[in-house]
Structures are given as structure tokens and as C-alpha cells.
Amino acid sequence: MDLASITESVPVHDDILLLGDFNAVTGPPPRSAGYEDTVGSFGAGTPNNDTSRLLSFCSSHGLVVPGSWSRRLDVH
């Protein structure tokens, strides 16, 4: 099974937590990119090729990147 089919098989009332090292940076994408419901304004870093793949997957399956919705303190 691939990730898409597993994600689609999860009942609607269950929550999905997708964890892993995807080498994707969740920097805020351009607002015209169509990911407004997937990633918030506070992503970190500069988006790369893996970012678009992850955000496309999340967007097509109704998932969000929760760490990008609230501002983090810069401790360094």
C-alpha cells in the first residue's frame, strides 16, 4: 500500500498524524499557490522541491501543517 491509499482508508472521524523526515521546509508559500488551508503564515525556512510535494499531498487529503499556524519565539 502507498501513503495515499492508507490515508484515504482512515475513517473521517479519526485524526491523522503524518510524522516523518520529509526534507520539506514549511516556509510560507506564495498566497496564490493554493495552499492557504494547508500551511499557515508562520512556516520556517525557504520552500524547496520537497515542500511542494508535501503540501500537494496534504492539500489533496485535507491535512494541515500545524506548526505553521502560530508564531515561534526566536530563541537564538
N, C-alpha and C. Protein backbone atom coordinates (compact mmCIF):
# COMPACT_ATOMS: atom_id res chain seq x y z
N MET A 1 0.84 -1.20 0.00
CA MET A 1 0.00 0.00 0.00
C MET A 1 0.88 1.25 0.00
N ASP A 2 0.38 2.26 -0.64
CA ASP A 2 1.10 3.52 -0.60
C ASP A 2 0.44 4.47 0.38
N LEU A 3 1.09 5.58 0.65
CA LEU A 3 0.62 6.52 1.67
C LEU A 3 -0.76 7.08 1.34
N ALA A 4 -1.00 7.37 0.08
CA ALA A 4 -2.29 7.93 -0.32
C ALA A 4 -3.44 6.97 -0.02
N SER A 5 -3.27 5.70 -0.34
CA SER A 5 -4.36 4.74 -0.11
C SER A 5 -4.57 4.50 1.38
N ILE A 6 -3.50 4.52 2.16
CA ILE A 6 -3.65 4.37 3.61
C ILE A 6 -4.38 5.57 4.19
N THR A 7 -4.03 6.76 3.75
CA THR A 7 -4.67 7.99 4.23
C THR A 7 -6.15 7.98 3.89
N GLU A 8 -6.48 7.54 2.70
CA GLU A 8 -7.88 7.51 2.28
C GLU A 8 -8.70 6.46 3.01
N SER A 9 -8.04 5.44 3.56
CA SER A 9 -8.76 4.38 4.26
C SER A 9 -9.09 4.72 5.71
N VAL A 10 -8.55 5.82 6.23
CA VAL A 10 -8.81 6.23 7.61
C VAL A 10 -10.22 6.81 7.71
N PRO A 11 -11.02 6.35 8.67
CA PRO A 11 -12.38 6.89 8.82
C PRO A 11 -12.36 8.40 9.04
N VAL A 12 -13.39 9.07 8.56
CA VAL A 12 -13.46 10.53 8.60
C VAL A 12 -13.39 11.08 10.02
N HIS A 13 -13.95 10.38 11.00
CA HIS A 13 -13.96 10.88 12.37
C HIS A 13 -12.63 10.68 13.10
N ASP A 14 -11.68 9.98 12.50
CA ASP A 14 -10.36 9.79 13.10
C ASP A 14 -9.41 10.91 12.67
N ASP A 15 -8.46 11.23 13.54
CA ASP A 15 -7.44 12.22 13.22
C ASP A 15 -6.24 11.52 12.61
N ILE A 16 -5.57 12.19 11.68
CA ILE A 16 -4.37 11.65 11.05
C ILE A 16 -3.18 12.48 11.48
N LEU A 17 -2.16 11.84 11.99
CA LEU A 17 -0.89 12.49 12.28
C LEU A 17 0.14 11.86 11.35
N LEU A 18 0.66 12.65 10.46
CA LEU A 18 1.64 12.18 9.50
C LEU A 18 3.01 12.65 9.97
N LEU A 19 3.83 11.71 10.43
CA LEU A 19 5.13 12.05 11.00
C LEU A 19 6.24 11.45 10.16
N GLY A 20 7.34 12.17 10.04
CA GLY A 20 8.48 11.65 9.32
C GLY A 20 9.42 12.76 8.90
N ASP A 21 10.55 12.36 8.37
CA ASP A 21 11.52 13.31 7.84
C ASP A 21 11.30 13.40 6.35
N PHE A 22 10.57 14.40 5.93
CA PHE A 22 10.22 14.56 4.52
C PHE A 22 11.17 15.50 3.79
N ASN A 23 12.16 16.04 4.48
CA ASN A 23 13.09 17.00 3.90
C ASN A 23 12.36 18.18 3.27
N ALA A 24 11.21 18.49 3.80
CA ALA A 24 10.42 19.61 3.30
C ALA A 24 10.51 20.76 4.31
N VAL A 25 10.63 21.96 3.81
CA VAL A 25 10.68 23.15 4.64
C VAL A 25 9.33 23.83 4.50
N THR A 26 8.66 24.14 5.60
CA THR A 26 7.30 24.65 5.53
C THR A 26 7.23 26.17 5.46
N GLY A 27 8.24 26.78 4.89
CA GLY A 27 8.21 28.23 4.74
C GLY A 27 6.92 28.66 4.10
N PRO A 28 6.44 29.85 4.41
CA PRO A 28 5.15 30.28 3.88
C PRO A 28 5.18 30.33 2.35
N PRO A 29 4.31 29.56 1.70
CA PRO A 29 4.27 29.59 0.24
C PRO A 29 3.60 30.87 -0.25
N PRO A 30 3.77 31.22 -1.50
CA PRO A 30 3.04 32.38 -2.02
C PRO A 30 1.54 32.17 -1.83
N ARG A 31 0.82 33.17 -1.44
CA ARG A 31 -0.61 33.03 -1.16
C ARG A 31 -1.38 32.57 -2.39
N SER A 32 -0.86 32.74 -3.58
CA SER A 32 -1.55 32.30 -4.79
C SER A 32 -1.28 30.84 -5.11
N ALA A 33 -0.50 30.15 -4.28
CA ALA A 33 -0.13 28.77 -4.56
C ALA A 33 -1.28 27.79 -4.31
N GLY A 34 -2.34 28.21 -3.64
CA GLY A 34 -3.47 27.34 -3.39
C GLY A 34 -3.36 26.51 -2.13
N TYR A 35 -2.41 26.82 -1.25
CA TYR A 35 -2.23 26.05 -0.02
C TYR A 35 -2.65 26.83 1.21
N GLU A 36 -3.53 27.80 1.07
CA GLU A 36 -3.91 28.65 2.19
C GLU A 36 -4.54 27.86 3.33
N ASP A 37 -5.22 26.76 3.03
CA ASP A 37 -5.85 25.96 4.08
C ASP A 37 -4.92 24.88 4.61
N THR A 38 -3.74 24.72 4.02
CA THR A 38 -2.81 23.65 4.38
C THR A 38 -1.66 24.16 5.25
N VAL A 39 -1.09 25.29 4.89
CA VAL A 39 0.06 25.83 5.63
C VAL A 39 -0.23 27.27 6.03
N GLY A 40 0.14 27.62 7.27
CA GLY A 40 -0.11 28.96 7.78
C GLY A 40 0.97 29.95 7.40
N SER A 41 0.88 31.11 7.96
CA SER A 41 1.80 32.21 7.63
C SER A 41 3.13 32.13 8.35
N PHE A 42 3.30 31.20 9.28
CA PHE A 42 4.49 31.20 10.11
C PHE A 42 5.39 30.00 9.88
N GLY A 43 5.40 29.47 8.68
CA GLY A 43 6.34 28.40 8.36
C GLY A 43 7.76 28.91 8.43
N ALA A 44 8.71 28.02 8.56
CA ALA A 44 10.11 28.42 8.70
C ALA A 44 10.90 28.00 7.47
N GLY A 45 11.87 28.82 7.10
CA GLY A 45 12.78 28.46 6.03
C GLY A 45 12.27 28.82 4.64
N THR A 46 13.05 28.43 3.65
CA THR A 46 12.73 28.69 2.26
C THR A 46 12.21 27.40 1.62
N PRO A 47 11.02 27.42 1.04
CA PRO A 47 10.46 26.21 0.44
C PRO A 47 11.38 25.62 -0.62
N ASN A 48 11.35 24.28 -0.74
CA ASN A 48 12.15 23.58 -1.75
C ASN A 48 11.25 22.62 -2.53
N ASN A 49 11.82 21.75 -3.37
CA ASN A 49 11.03 20.82 -4.18
C ASN A 49 10.21 19.87 -3.31
N ASP A 50 10.78 19.41 -2.21
CA ASP A 50 10.06 18.50 -1.32
C ASP A 50 8.88 19.20 -0.64
N THR A 51 8.99 20.50 -0.45
CA THR A 51 7.90 21.27 0.14
C THR A 51 6.66 21.19 -0.73
N SER A 52 6.83 21.41 -2.03
CA SER A 52 5.66 21.38 -2.91
C SER A 52 5.04 19.98 -2.96
N ARG A 53 5.85 18.94 -2.90
CA ARG A 53 5.31 17.58 -2.90
C ARG A 53 4.51 17.32 -1.62
N LEU A 54 5.06 17.73 -0.47
CA LEU A 54 4.36 17.52 0.80
C LEU A 54 3.08 18.34 0.86
N LEU A 55 3.14 19.60 0.46
CA LEU A 55 1.95 20.45 0.53
C LEU A 55 0.88 19.99 -0.45
N SER A 56 1.27 19.50 -1.60
CA SER A 56 0.30 18.96 -2.56
C SER A 56 -0.41 17.75 -1.97
N PHE A 57 0.37 16.86 -1.35
CA PHE A 57 -0.23 15.67 -0.73
C PHE A 57 -1.18 16.08 0.38
N CYS A 58 -0.73 16.97 1.26
CA CYS A 58 -1.56 17.41 2.38
C CYS A 58 -2.83 18.10 1.88
N SER A 59 -2.70 18.93 0.90
CA SER A 59 -3.84 19.66 0.37
C SER A 59 -4.87 18.70 -0.24
N SER A 60 -4.40 17.71 -0.97
CA SER A 60 -5.33 16.79 -1.64
C SER A 60 -6.01 15.84 -0.66
N HIS A 61 -5.47 15.70 0.55
CA HIS A 61 -6.07 14.80 1.54
C HIS A 61 -6.64 15.54 2.75
N GLY A 62 -6.75 16.87 2.64
CA GLY A 62 -7.37 17.66 3.71
C GLY A 62 -6.53 17.74 4.97
N LEU A 63 -5.21 17.64 4.85
CA LEU A 63 -4.32 17.71 6.01
C LEU A 63 -3.73 19.10 6.13
N VAL A 64 -3.29 19.47 7.32
CA VAL A 64 -2.66 20.78 7.54
C VAL A 64 -1.30 20.59 8.21
N VAL A 65 -0.46 21.61 8.10
CA VAL A 65 0.84 21.64 8.78
C VAL A 65 0.66 22.51 10.02
N PRO A 66 0.39 21.89 11.18
CA PRO A 66 0.01 22.68 12.36
C PRO A 66 1.09 23.60 12.88
N GLY A 67 2.36 23.27 12.72
CA GLY A 67 3.43 24.11 13.24
C GLY A 67 3.58 25.42 12.50
N SER A 68 2.86 25.60 11.41
CA SER A 68 2.98 26.82 10.63
C SER A 68 1.88 27.84 10.93
N TRP A 69 0.99 27.53 11.88
CA TRP A 69 -0.14 28.40 12.16
C TRP A 69 0.10 29.35 13.33
N SER A 70 1.17 29.15 14.10
CA SER A 70 1.44 30.07 15.21
C SER A 70 2.91 30.48 15.20
N ARG A 71 3.14 31.70 15.61
CA ARG A 71 4.49 32.26 15.62
C ARG A 71 5.32 31.60 16.71
N ARG A 72 6.57 31.27 16.37
CA ARG A 72 7.50 30.70 17.34
C ARG A 72 8.47 31.76 17.80
N LEU A 73 8.90 31.65 19.05
CA LEU A 73 9.90 32.58 19.57
C LEU A 73 11.26 32.26 18.98
N ASP A 74 12.01 33.28 18.61
CA ASP A 74 13.37 33.09 18.13
C ASP A 74 14.27 33.06 19.36
N VAL A 75 14.71 31.89 19.77
CA VAL A 75 15.49 31.75 21.00
C VAL A 75 17.00 31.86 20.75
N HIS A 76 17.41 32.00 19.53
CA HIS A 76 18.84 32.09 19.24
C HIS A 76 19.24 33.48 18.83
